């Protein structure tokens, strides 16, 4: 079927079918090629331009055929030399990557990302220093020292009981030497 006569409405129940109003009409390509000339051209100029157009189209066809033959010959030479398409692909990728790296856009992007990385590193370093300082301050606080003392006491009781052969943990009410205080900070 001629695609010009097909119904192109995709929602139509008749899609792909010729409509009733259209019929196949033969078209004479010679008549279609002889459309009225652009104003200002004489018949001789029009004929000359058509002849030149035909000649250029024939040259294009010839060049395509020559190119195809050269590509086949190139492929045959590469095959005989043991060069694989993978090697050519690697070479093309390397060349393309090099071209990207020397491009202005890549250089500007690389510079911007480098600066952003340096700024991020500096910010994280500053933040890490601040956190270290705060943790140091917290460790020197009375609350932390009290908590540290209690953890040490519990640890010594647990480790001491295990050394004596008992795996029982001390009771939360403090069955050891010191009773736990009722006003614990945590």
N, C-alpha and C. Protein backbone atom coordinates (compact mmCIF):
# COMPACT_ATOMS: atom_id res chain seq x y z
N UNK A 1 0.83 -1.18 0.00
CA UNK A 1 0.00 0.00 0.00
C UNK A 1 0.87 1.24 0.00
N UNK A 2 0.45 2.26 -0.66
CA UNK A 2 1.17 3.53 -0.68
C UNK A 2 0.93 4.25 0.63
N UNK A 3 2.00 4.67 1.30
CA UNK A 3 1.84 5.30 2.61
C UNK A 3 1.13 6.65 2.50
N UNK A 4 1.14 7.28 1.33
CA UNK A 4 0.46 8.56 1.18
C UNK A 4 -1.05 8.38 1.25
N UNK A 5 -1.54 7.19 0.92
CA UNK A 5 -2.99 6.93 0.94
C UNK A 5 -3.45 6.31 2.23
N UNK A 6 -2.58 6.12 3.19
CA UNK A 6 -2.97 5.50 4.44
C UNK A 6 -3.53 6.54 5.40
N UNK A 7 -4.46 6.07 6.25
CA UNK A 7 -5.04 6.92 7.29
C UNK A 7 -4.01 7.01 8.41
N UNK A 8 -3.51 8.22 8.70
CA UNK A 8 -2.45 8.36 9.70
C UNK A 8 -2.99 8.65 11.09
N UNK A 9 -4.29 8.80 11.26
CA UNK A 9 -4.87 9.01 12.57
C UNK A 9 -4.77 7.69 13.33
N UNK A 10 -3.96 7.65 14.38
CA UNK A 10 -3.71 6.40 15.10
C UNK A 10 -4.92 5.93 15.89
N UNK A 11 -5.87 6.81 16.16
CA UNK A 11 -7.07 6.43 16.90
C UNK A 11 -8.19 6.00 15.98
N UNK A 12 -7.97 6.08 14.68
CA UNK A 12 -9.01 5.75 13.71
C UNK A 12 -9.17 4.24 13.60
N UNK A 13 -10.42 3.76 13.48
CA UNK A 13 -10.61 2.32 13.27
C UNK A 13 -10.15 1.89 11.88
N UNK A 14 -9.96 2.84 10.98
CA UNK A 14 -9.54 2.52 9.62
C UNK A 14 -8.05 2.76 9.41
N UNK A 15 -7.26 2.81 10.48
CA UNK A 15 -5.85 3.15 10.31
C UNK A 15 -5.17 2.13 9.40
N UNK A 16 -4.38 2.67 8.50
CA UNK A 16 -3.65 1.83 7.57
C UNK A 16 -4.43 1.52 6.32
N UNK A 17 -5.68 1.87 6.28
CA UNK A 17 -6.49 1.57 5.10
C UNK A 17 -6.67 2.82 4.28
N UNK A 18 -6.87 2.65 2.95
CA UNK A 18 -7.15 3.79 2.10
C UNK A 18 -8.52 4.32 2.42
N UNK A 19 -8.65 5.63 2.40
CA UNK A 19 -9.97 6.20 2.64
C UNK A 19 -10.80 6.07 1.37
N UNK A 20 -12.14 6.17 1.51
CA UNK A 20 -13.04 5.99 0.37
C UNK A 20 -12.85 7.09 -0.66
N UNK A 21 -12.47 8.26 -0.24
CA UNK A 21 -12.37 9.38 -1.17
C UNK A 21 -11.08 9.35 -1.98
N UNK A 22 -10.11 8.53 -1.57
CA UNK A 22 -8.84 8.51 -2.28
C UNK A 22 -8.77 7.29 -3.19
N UNK A 23 -8.26 7.52 -4.37
CA UNK A 23 -8.05 6.42 -5.31
C UNK A 23 -6.62 6.48 -5.79
N UNK A 24 -6.13 5.36 -6.27
CA UNK A 24 -4.77 5.34 -6.81
C UNK A 24 -4.76 6.04 -8.16
N UNK A 25 -3.96 7.08 -8.26
CA UNK A 25 -3.83 7.82 -9.50
C UNK A 25 -2.37 7.75 -9.90
N UNK A 26 -2.08 7.23 -11.09
CA UNK A 26 -0.67 7.17 -11.50
C UNK A 26 -0.11 8.58 -11.67
N UNK A 27 1.14 8.74 -11.27
CA UNK A 27 1.80 10.03 -11.37
C UNK A 27 2.95 9.88 -12.34
N UNK A 28 3.00 10.77 -13.32
CA UNK A 28 4.09 10.76 -14.29
C UNK A 28 5.25 11.52 -13.68
N UNK A 29 6.37 10.82 -13.41
CA UNK A 29 7.50 11.47 -12.76
C UNK A 29 8.11 12.53 -13.66
N UNK A 30 8.01 12.38 -14.93
CA UNK A 30 8.53 13.40 -15.85
C UNK A 30 7.77 14.70 -15.68
N UNK A 31 6.47 14.63 -15.50
CA UNK A 31 5.66 15.82 -15.31
C UNK A 31 5.97 16.43 -13.95
N UNK A 32 6.12 15.59 -12.90
CA UNK A 32 6.41 16.09 -11.57
C UNK A 32 7.76 16.78 -11.54
N UNK A 33 8.72 16.26 -12.31
CA UNK A 33 10.05 16.85 -12.34
C UNK A 33 10.05 18.17 -13.10
N UNK A 34 9.04 18.38 -13.98
CA UNK A 34 9.00 19.60 -14.78
C UNK A 34 8.03 20.61 -14.17
N UNK A 35 8.22 20.88 -12.90
CA UNK A 35 7.39 21.90 -12.25
C UNK A 35 7.77 23.25 -12.82
N UNK A 36 6.88 24.20 -12.70
CA UNK A 36 7.20 25.51 -13.28
C UNK A 36 8.50 26.04 -12.70
N UNK A 37 9.28 26.65 -13.56
CA UNK A 37 10.59 27.17 -13.16
C UNK A 37 10.43 28.35 -12.22
N UNK A 38 11.46 28.54 -11.43
CA UNK A 38 11.47 29.68 -10.54
C UNK A 38 11.48 30.93 -11.41
N UNK A 39 10.72 31.91 -11.01
CA UNK A 39 10.64 33.14 -11.80
C UNK A 39 12.02 33.73 -11.98
N UNK A 40 12.29 34.18 -13.18
CA UNK A 40 13.56 34.80 -13.47
C UNK A 40 14.52 33.86 -14.18
N UNK A 41 14.18 32.58 -14.31
CA UNK A 41 15.05 31.63 -15.03
C UNK A 41 14.47 31.39 -16.42
N UNK A 42 15.34 31.35 -17.36
CA UNK A 42 14.89 31.01 -18.71
C UNK A 42 14.88 29.50 -18.81
N UNK A 43 14.26 29.00 -19.88
CA UNK A 43 14.21 27.53 -20.08
C UNK A 43 15.60 26.96 -20.23
N UNK A 44 16.50 27.68 -20.85
CA UNK A 44 17.87 27.21 -21.06
C UNK A 44 18.60 27.12 -19.72
N UNK A 45 18.40 28.14 -18.85
CA UNK A 45 19.04 28.11 -17.55
C UNK A 45 18.49 26.97 -16.70
N UNK A 46 17.18 26.76 -16.81
CA UNK A 46 16.55 25.67 -16.06
C UNK A 46 17.10 24.33 -16.51
N UNK A 47 17.24 24.14 -17.84
CA UNK A 47 17.79 22.88 -18.36
C UNK A 47 19.22 22.69 -17.91
N UNK A 48 19.99 23.77 -17.92
CA UNK A 48 21.38 23.70 -17.48
C UNK A 48 21.47 23.30 -16.01
N UNK A 49 20.62 23.92 -15.16
CA UNK A 49 20.61 23.59 -13.74
C UNK A 49 20.18 22.15 -13.51
N UNK A 50 19.18 21.68 -14.27
CA UNK A 50 18.74 20.29 -14.12
C UNK A 50 19.85 19.32 -14.53
N UNK A 51 20.57 19.66 -15.59
CA UNK A 51 21.68 18.80 -16.04
C UNK A 51 22.77 18.77 -14.98
N UNK A 52 23.08 19.94 -14.40
CA UNK A 52 24.09 19.99 -13.34
C UNK A 52 23.65 19.20 -12.12
N UNK A 53 22.35 19.30 -11.76
CA UNK A 53 21.81 18.55 -10.63
C UNK A 53 21.95 17.05 -10.87
N UNK A 54 21.61 16.61 -12.06
CA UNK A 54 21.73 15.19 -12.40
C UNK A 54 23.18 14.74 -12.29
N UNK A 55 24.10 15.57 -12.80
CA UNK A 55 25.53 15.24 -12.76
C UNK A 55 26.01 15.13 -11.31
N UNK A 56 25.62 16.09 -10.44
CA UNK A 56 26.04 16.08 -9.04
C UNK A 56 25.48 14.86 -8.33
N UNK A 57 24.22 14.51 -8.60
CA UNK A 57 23.62 13.31 -7.97
C UNK A 57 24.35 12.05 -8.40
N UNK A 58 24.75 11.99 -9.68
CA UNK A 58 25.51 10.82 -10.15
C UNK A 58 26.88 10.76 -9.48
N UNK A 59 27.53 11.93 -9.29
CA UNK A 59 28.82 11.97 -8.60
C UNK A 59 28.69 11.51 -7.16
N UNK A 60 27.60 11.90 -6.51
CA UNK A 60 27.37 11.48 -5.12
C UNK A 60 27.25 9.96 -5.06
N UNK A 61 26.50 9.38 -5.98
CA UNK A 61 26.34 7.92 -6.01
C UNK A 61 27.70 7.26 -6.24
N UNK A 62 28.48 7.81 -7.16
CA UNK A 62 29.81 7.24 -7.44
C UNK A 62 30.71 7.34 -6.22
N UNK A 63 30.68 8.49 -5.55
CA UNK A 63 31.52 8.67 -4.36
C UNK A 63 31.11 7.70 -3.25
N UNK A 64 29.81 7.46 -3.10
CA UNK A 64 29.35 6.49 -2.09
C UNK A 64 29.87 5.10 -2.41
N UNK A 65 29.86 4.74 -3.71
CA UNK A 65 30.35 3.42 -4.11
C UNK A 65 31.85 3.31 -3.87
N UNK A 66 32.58 4.38 -4.19
CA UNK A 66 34.03 4.37 -3.97
C UNK A 66 34.33 4.28 -2.48
N UNK A 67 33.60 5.04 -1.66
CA UNK A 67 33.80 5.00 -0.21
C UNK A 67 33.54 3.60 0.33
N UNK A 68 32.46 2.97 -0.11
CA UNK A 68 32.15 1.61 0.35
C UNK A 68 33.26 0.64 -0.03
N UNK A 69 33.79 0.78 -1.25
CA UNK A 69 34.88 -0.10 -1.68
C UNK A 69 36.13 0.16 -0.84
N UNK A 70 36.44 1.42 -0.56
CA UNK A 70 37.60 1.75 0.27
C UNK A 70 37.45 1.20 1.69
N UNK A 71 36.23 1.29 2.24
CA UNK A 71 35.99 0.77 3.59
C UNK A 71 36.16 -0.74 3.61
N UNK A 72 35.68 -1.44 2.57
CA UNK A 72 35.88 -2.90 2.50
C UNK A 72 37.36 -3.22 2.41
N UNK A 73 38.10 -2.48 1.57
CA UNK A 73 39.53 -2.72 1.42
C UNK A 73 40.26 -2.44 2.73
N UNK A 74 39.90 -1.38 3.42
CA UNK A 74 40.49 -1.05 4.72
C UNK A 74 40.24 -2.17 5.73
N UNK A 75 39.02 -2.67 5.76
CA UNK A 75 38.68 -3.77 6.67
C UNK A 75 39.48 -5.02 6.36
N UNK A 76 39.66 -5.30 5.09
CA UNK A 76 40.45 -6.47 4.68
C UNK A 76 41.90 -6.30 5.11
N UNK A 77 42.47 -5.12 4.91
CA UNK A 77 43.86 -4.86 5.31
C UNK A 77 44.02 -5.01 6.82
N UNK A 78 43.09 -4.46 7.59
CA UNK A 78 43.14 -4.58 9.05
C UNK A 78 43.05 -6.04 9.47
N UNK A 79 42.17 -6.79 8.81
CA UNK A 79 42.02 -8.20 9.15
C UNK A 79 43.33 -8.95 8.87
N UNK A 80 43.96 -8.66 7.72
CA UNK A 80 45.20 -9.34 7.37
C UNK A 80 46.34 -8.94 8.30
N UNK A 81 46.31 -7.72 8.83
CA UNK A 81 47.34 -7.26 9.76
C UNK A 81 47.07 -7.71 11.19
N UNK A 82 45.90 -8.28 11.43
CA UNK A 82 45.56 -8.74 12.76
C UNK A 82 45.02 -7.64 13.65
N UNK A 83 44.67 -6.52 13.07
CA UNK A 83 44.09 -5.43 13.84
C UNK A 83 42.59 -5.70 14.00
N UNK A 84 42.16 -5.69 15.25
CA UNK A 84 40.74 -5.98 15.49
C UNK A 84 39.95 -4.68 15.56
N UNK A 85 38.67 -4.82 15.45
CA UNK A 85 37.81 -3.65 15.59
C UNK A 85 37.86 -3.14 17.03
N UNK A 86 38.14 -4.05 17.96
CA UNK A 86 38.26 -3.64 19.36
C UNK A 86 39.44 -2.69 19.54
N UNK A 87 40.54 -2.99 18.89
CA UNK A 87 41.71 -2.11 18.96
C UNK A 87 41.40 -0.75 18.37
N UNK A 88 40.69 -0.74 17.25
CA UNK A 88 40.28 0.53 16.65
C UNK A 88 39.34 1.30 17.55
N UNK A 89 38.46 0.57 18.19
CA UNK A 89 37.51 1.20 19.11
C UNK A 89 38.26 1.82 20.29
N UNK A 90 39.24 1.08 20.82
CA UNK A 90 40.04 1.61 21.92
C UNK A 90 40.76 2.89 21.50
N UNK A 91 41.32 2.86 20.31
CA UNK A 91 42.04 4.01 19.80
C UNK A 91 41.10 5.20 19.63
N UNK A 92 39.91 4.94 19.08
CA UNK A 92 38.94 6.02 18.90
C UNK A 92 38.49 6.58 20.24
N UNK A 93 38.27 5.70 21.23
CA UNK A 93 37.87 6.17 22.55
C UNK A 93 38.98 6.98 23.20
N UNK A 94 40.20 6.53 23.06
CA UNK A 94 41.33 7.27 23.63
C UNK A 94 41.44 8.65 23.00
N UNK A 95 41.29 8.69 21.68
CA UNK A 95 41.37 9.97 20.98
C UNK A 95 40.22 10.88 21.41
N UNK A 96 39.03 10.31 21.51
CA UNK A 96 37.86 11.10 21.92
C UNK A 96 38.03 11.62 23.34
N UNK A 97 38.54 10.76 24.26
CA UNK A 97 38.74 11.17 25.65
C UNK A 97 39.77 12.29 25.72
N UNK A 98 40.82 12.16 24.91
CA UNK A 98 41.83 13.22 24.87
C UNK A 98 41.21 14.52 24.37
N UNK A 99 40.38 14.44 23.34
CA UNK A 99 39.72 15.64 22.82
C UNK A 99 38.83 16.28 23.88
N UNK A 100 38.15 15.44 24.66
CA UNK A 100 37.29 15.96 25.73
C UNK A 100 38.14 16.66 26.78
N UNK A 101 39.26 16.05 27.14
CA UNK A 101 40.11 16.61 28.18
C UNK A 101 40.73 17.95 27.80
N UNK A 102 40.98 18.17 26.54
CA UNK A 102 41.57 19.43 26.13
C UNK A 102 40.51 20.48 25.81
N UNK A 103 39.26 20.12 25.90
CA UNK A 103 38.19 21.08 25.60
C UNK A 103 38.07 22.09 26.74
N UNK A 104 37.63 23.29 26.40
CA UNK A 104 37.48 24.35 27.40
C UNK A 104 36.42 23.99 28.43
N UNK A 105 35.34 23.38 28.00
CA UNK A 105 34.26 23.01 28.92
C UNK A 105 34.77 22.04 29.99
N UNK A 106 35.55 21.06 29.57
CA UNK A 106 36.10 20.08 30.51
C UNK A 106 37.04 20.77 31.50
N UNK A 107 37.89 21.65 30.99
CA UNK A 107 38.84 22.33 31.87
C UNK A 107 38.11 23.19 32.90
N UNK A 108 37.08 23.91 32.45
CA UNK A 108 36.33 24.75 33.38
C UNK A 108 35.60 23.91 34.42
N UNK A 109 35.02 22.79 33.99
CA UNK A 109 34.33 21.90 34.91
C UNK A 109 35.30 21.31 35.91
N UNK A 110 36.45 20.87 35.43
CA UNK A 110 37.46 20.29 36.31
C UNK A 110 37.92 21.32 37.34
N UNK A 111 38.14 22.55 36.92
CA UNK A 111 38.56 23.61 37.83
C UNK A 111 37.50 23.89 38.88
N UNK A 112 36.24 23.96 38.44
CA UNK A 112 35.14 24.23 39.36
C UNK A 112 35.00 23.11 40.39
N UNK A 113 35.07 21.86 39.93
CA UNK A 113 34.96 20.73 40.86
C UNK A 113 36.14 20.68 41.82
N UNK A 114 37.31 21.04 41.35
CA UNK A 114 38.48 21.06 42.22
C UNK A 114 38.30 22.10 43.33
N UNK A 115 37.82 23.28 42.94
CA UNK A 115 37.58 24.32 43.95
C UNK A 115 36.51 23.89 44.93
N UNK A 116 35.45 23.27 44.42
CA UNK A 116 34.38 22.80 45.30
C UNK A 116 34.91 21.75 46.27
N UNK A 117 35.77 20.86 45.79
CA UNK A 117 36.36 19.84 46.66
C UNK A 117 37.22 20.45 47.74
N UNK A 118 37.99 21.46 47.39
CA UNK A 118 38.84 22.12 48.38
C UNK A 118 38.00 22.82 49.43
N UNK A 119 36.94 23.49 48.98
CA UNK A 119 36.07 24.18 49.94
C UNK A 119 35.35 23.19 50.85
N UNK A 120 34.90 22.08 50.27
CA UNK A 120 34.22 21.05 51.07
C UNK A 120 35.19 20.46 52.09
N UNK A 121 36.41 20.20 51.67
CA UNK A 121 37.42 19.66 52.58
C UNK A 121 37.69 20.62 53.73
N UNK A 122 37.81 21.90 53.41
CA UNK A 122 38.05 22.90 54.45
C UNK A 122 36.87 22.97 55.42
N UNK A 123 35.65 22.92 54.87
CA UNK A 123 34.46 22.99 55.72
C UNK A 123 34.38 21.77 56.63
N UNK A 124 34.66 20.59 56.09
CA UNK A 124 34.62 19.37 56.91
C UNK A 124 35.70 19.39 57.98
N UNK A 125 36.86 19.92 57.64
CA UNK A 125 37.95 20.01 58.62
C UNK A 125 37.55 20.94 59.76
N UNK A 126 36.96 22.07 59.40
CA UNK A 126 36.50 23.01 60.43
C UNK A 126 35.43 22.39 61.30
N UNK A 127 34.49 21.69 60.66
CA UNK A 127 33.42 21.04 61.40
C UNK A 127 33.98 19.94 62.32
N UNK A 128 34.95 19.18 61.82
CA UNK A 128 35.58 18.14 62.64
C UNK A 128 36.28 18.72 63.85
N UNK A 129 36.96 19.85 63.65
CA UNK A 129 37.64 20.51 64.77
C UNK A 129 36.62 20.98 65.81
N UNK A 130 35.51 21.54 65.33
CA UNK A 130 34.48 22.02 66.25
C UNK A 130 33.88 20.86 67.04
N UNK A 131 33.63 19.75 66.37
CA UNK A 131 33.07 18.58 67.05
C UNK A 131 34.06 18.04 68.08
N UNK A 132 35.34 17.97 67.72
CA UNK A 132 36.36 17.50 68.66
C UNK A 132 36.42 18.39 69.89
N UNK A 133 36.36 19.71 69.65
CA UNK A 133 36.39 20.65 70.76
C UNK A 133 35.19 20.45 71.67
N UNK A 134 34.00 20.30 71.09
CA UNK A 134 32.79 20.11 71.88
C UNK A 134 32.84 18.80 72.67
N UNK A 135 33.33 17.73 72.03
CA UNK A 135 33.44 16.46 72.74
C UNK A 135 34.44 16.56 73.88
N UNK A 136 35.54 17.29 73.66
CA UNK A 136 36.52 17.51 74.73
C UNK A 136 35.90 18.27 75.89
N UNK A 137 35.12 19.30 75.55
CA UNK A 137 34.44 20.09 76.59
C UNK A 137 33.46 19.20 77.35
N UNK A 138 32.74 18.36 76.59
CA UNK A 138 31.74 17.49 77.22
C UNK A 138 32.43 16.46 78.13
N UNK A 139 33.56 15.94 77.69
CA UNK A 139 34.26 14.94 78.48
C UNK A 139 34.77 15.53 79.79
N UNK A 140 35.08 16.79 79.79
CA UNK A 140 35.57 17.45 81.00
C UNK A 140 34.42 17.91 81.90
N UNK A 141 33.19 17.72 81.48
CA UNK A 141 32.06 18.17 82.29
C UNK A 141 31.83 17.21 83.46
N UNK A 142 31.17 17.72 84.48
CA UNK A 142 30.89 16.93 85.69
C UNK A 142 29.94 15.78 85.37
N UNK A 143 28.98 16.01 84.51
CA UNK A 143 28.01 14.97 84.17
C UNK A 143 28.71 13.79 83.52
N UNK A 144 29.59 14.05 82.58
CA UNK A 144 30.29 12.98 81.89
C UNK A 144 31.20 12.23 82.85
N UNK A 145 31.90 12.96 83.72
CA UNK A 145 32.79 12.31 84.69
C UNK A 145 32.00 11.39 85.61
N UNK A 146 30.81 11.82 86.04
CA UNK A 146 29.96 11.01 86.89
C UNK A 146 29.52 9.75 86.15
N UNK A 147 29.14 9.92 84.90
CA UNK A 147 28.73 8.78 84.08
C UNK A 147 29.90 7.82 83.88
N UNK A 148 31.08 8.37 83.60
CA UNK A 148 32.27 7.56 83.38
C UNK A 148 32.62 6.76 84.64
N UNK A 149 32.49 7.38 85.79
CA UNK A 149 32.77 6.69 87.06
C UNK A 149 31.80 5.53 87.25
N UNK A 150 30.55 5.74 86.95
CA UNK A 150 29.55 4.67 87.14
C UNK A 150 29.78 3.51 86.17
N UNK A 151 30.11 3.84 84.92
CA UNK A 151 30.41 2.77 83.96
C UNK A 151 31.63 2.00 84.42
N UNK A 152 32.64 2.69 84.93
CA UNK A 152 33.84 2.02 85.43
C UNK A 152 33.51 1.11 86.61
N UNK A 153 32.63 1.57 87.51
CA UNK A 153 32.24 0.78 88.68
C UNK A 153 31.52 -0.48 88.23
N UNK A 154 30.58 -0.32 87.30
CA UNK A 154 29.82 -1.48 86.80
C UNK A 154 30.76 -2.45 86.09
N UNK A 155 31.68 -1.92 85.30
CA UNK A 155 32.61 -2.78 84.58
C UNK A 155 33.47 -3.57 85.55
N UNK A 156 33.95 -2.93 86.59
CA UNK A 156 34.82 -3.63 87.55
C UNK A 156 34.04 -4.71 88.27
N UNK A 157 32.76 -4.46 88.53
CA UNK A 157 31.95 -5.49 89.20
C UNK A 157 31.72 -6.67 88.27
N UNK A 158 31.44 -6.38 86.99
CA UNK A 158 31.20 -7.47 86.03
C UNK A 158 32.47 -8.25 85.79
N UNK A 159 33.56 -7.58 85.56
CA UNK A 159 34.82 -8.26 85.30
C UNK A 159 35.29 -8.99 86.54
N UNK A 160 35.11 -8.38 87.68
CA UNK A 160 35.51 -9.02 88.94
C UNK A 160 34.72 -10.29 89.18
N UNK A 161 33.40 -10.30 88.92
CA UNK A 161 32.58 -11.49 89.11
C UNK A 161 32.97 -12.57 88.12
N UNK A 162 33.31 -12.22 86.90
CA UNK A 162 33.70 -13.23 85.91
C UNK A 162 35.03 -13.86 86.29
N UNK A 163 35.93 -13.08 86.85
CA UNK A 163 37.21 -13.62 87.27
C UNK A 163 37.02 -14.60 88.43
N UNK A 164 35.99 -14.40 89.24
CA UNK A 164 35.72 -15.29 90.36
C UNK A 164 34.91 -16.51 89.93
N UNK A 165 34.61 -16.62 88.63
CA UNK A 165 33.88 -17.79 88.14
C UNK A 165 32.40 -17.58 88.06
N UNK A 166 31.89 -16.44 88.34
CA UNK A 166 30.46 -16.19 88.29
C UNK A 166 30.16 -15.31 87.09
N UNK A 167 29.15 -15.69 86.28
CA UNK A 167 28.77 -14.90 85.11
C UNK A 167 27.55 -14.04 85.41
N UNK A 168 27.13 -14.00 86.63
CA UNK A 168 25.95 -13.20 86.98
C UNK A 168 26.33 -11.73 87.04
N UNK A 169 25.47 -10.90 86.50
CA UNK A 169 25.68 -9.47 86.56
C UNK A 169 25.12 -8.96 87.88
N UNK A 170 25.64 -7.89 88.41
CA UNK A 170 25.10 -7.36 89.66
C UNK A 170 23.67 -6.88 89.44
N UNK A 171 22.91 -6.92 90.48
CA UNK A 171 21.52 -6.50 90.36
C UNK A 171 21.46 -4.99 90.20
N UNK A 172 20.43 -4.48 89.54
CA UNK A 172 20.35 -3.04 89.33
C UNK A 172 20.18 -2.26 90.63
N UNK A 173 19.79 -2.91 91.70
CA UNK A 173 19.63 -2.20 92.98
C UNK A 173 20.96 -1.99 93.65
N UNK A 174 22.02 -2.57 93.13
CA UNK A 174 23.35 -2.32 93.68
C UNK A 174 23.67 -3.22 94.85
N UNK A 175 23.79 -4.49 94.64
CA UNK A 175 24.10 -5.42 95.72
C UNK A 175 25.58 -5.39 96.07
N UNK A 176 26.36 -4.49 95.45
CA UNK A 176 27.79 -4.40 95.72
C UNK A 176 28.06 -3.50 96.90
N UNK A 177 29.26 -2.93 96.89
CA UNK A 177 29.68 -2.09 98.00
C UNK A 177 28.91 -0.78 98.05
N UNK A 178 28.69 -0.17 96.89
CA UNK A 178 28.03 1.13 96.86
C UNK A 178 26.62 1.00 96.32
N UNK A 179 25.66 1.49 96.99
CA UNK A 179 24.33 1.49 96.40
C UNK A 179 24.24 2.59 95.35
N UNK A 180 23.43 2.36 94.32
CA UNK A 180 23.25 3.36 93.27
C UNK A 180 22.43 4.51 93.82
N UNK A 181 22.81 5.72 93.47
CA UNK A 181 22.08 6.88 94.01
C UNK A 181 20.79 7.09 93.24
N UNK A 182 19.84 7.72 93.91
CA UNK A 182 18.53 7.94 93.30
C UNK A 182 18.53 9.15 92.40
N UNK A 183 19.50 9.99 92.46
CA UNK A 183 19.53 11.19 91.63
C UNK A 183 20.57 11.06 90.53
N UNK A 184 20.51 9.97 89.76
CA UNK A 184 21.46 9.74 88.66
C UNK A 184 21.17 10.74 87.54
N UNK A 185 22.19 11.26 86.88
CA UNK A 185 21.99 12.28 85.84
C UNK A 185 21.32 11.71 84.58
N UNK A 186 21.33 10.42 84.39
CA UNK A 186 20.73 9.84 83.18
C UNK A 186 19.52 9.02 83.48
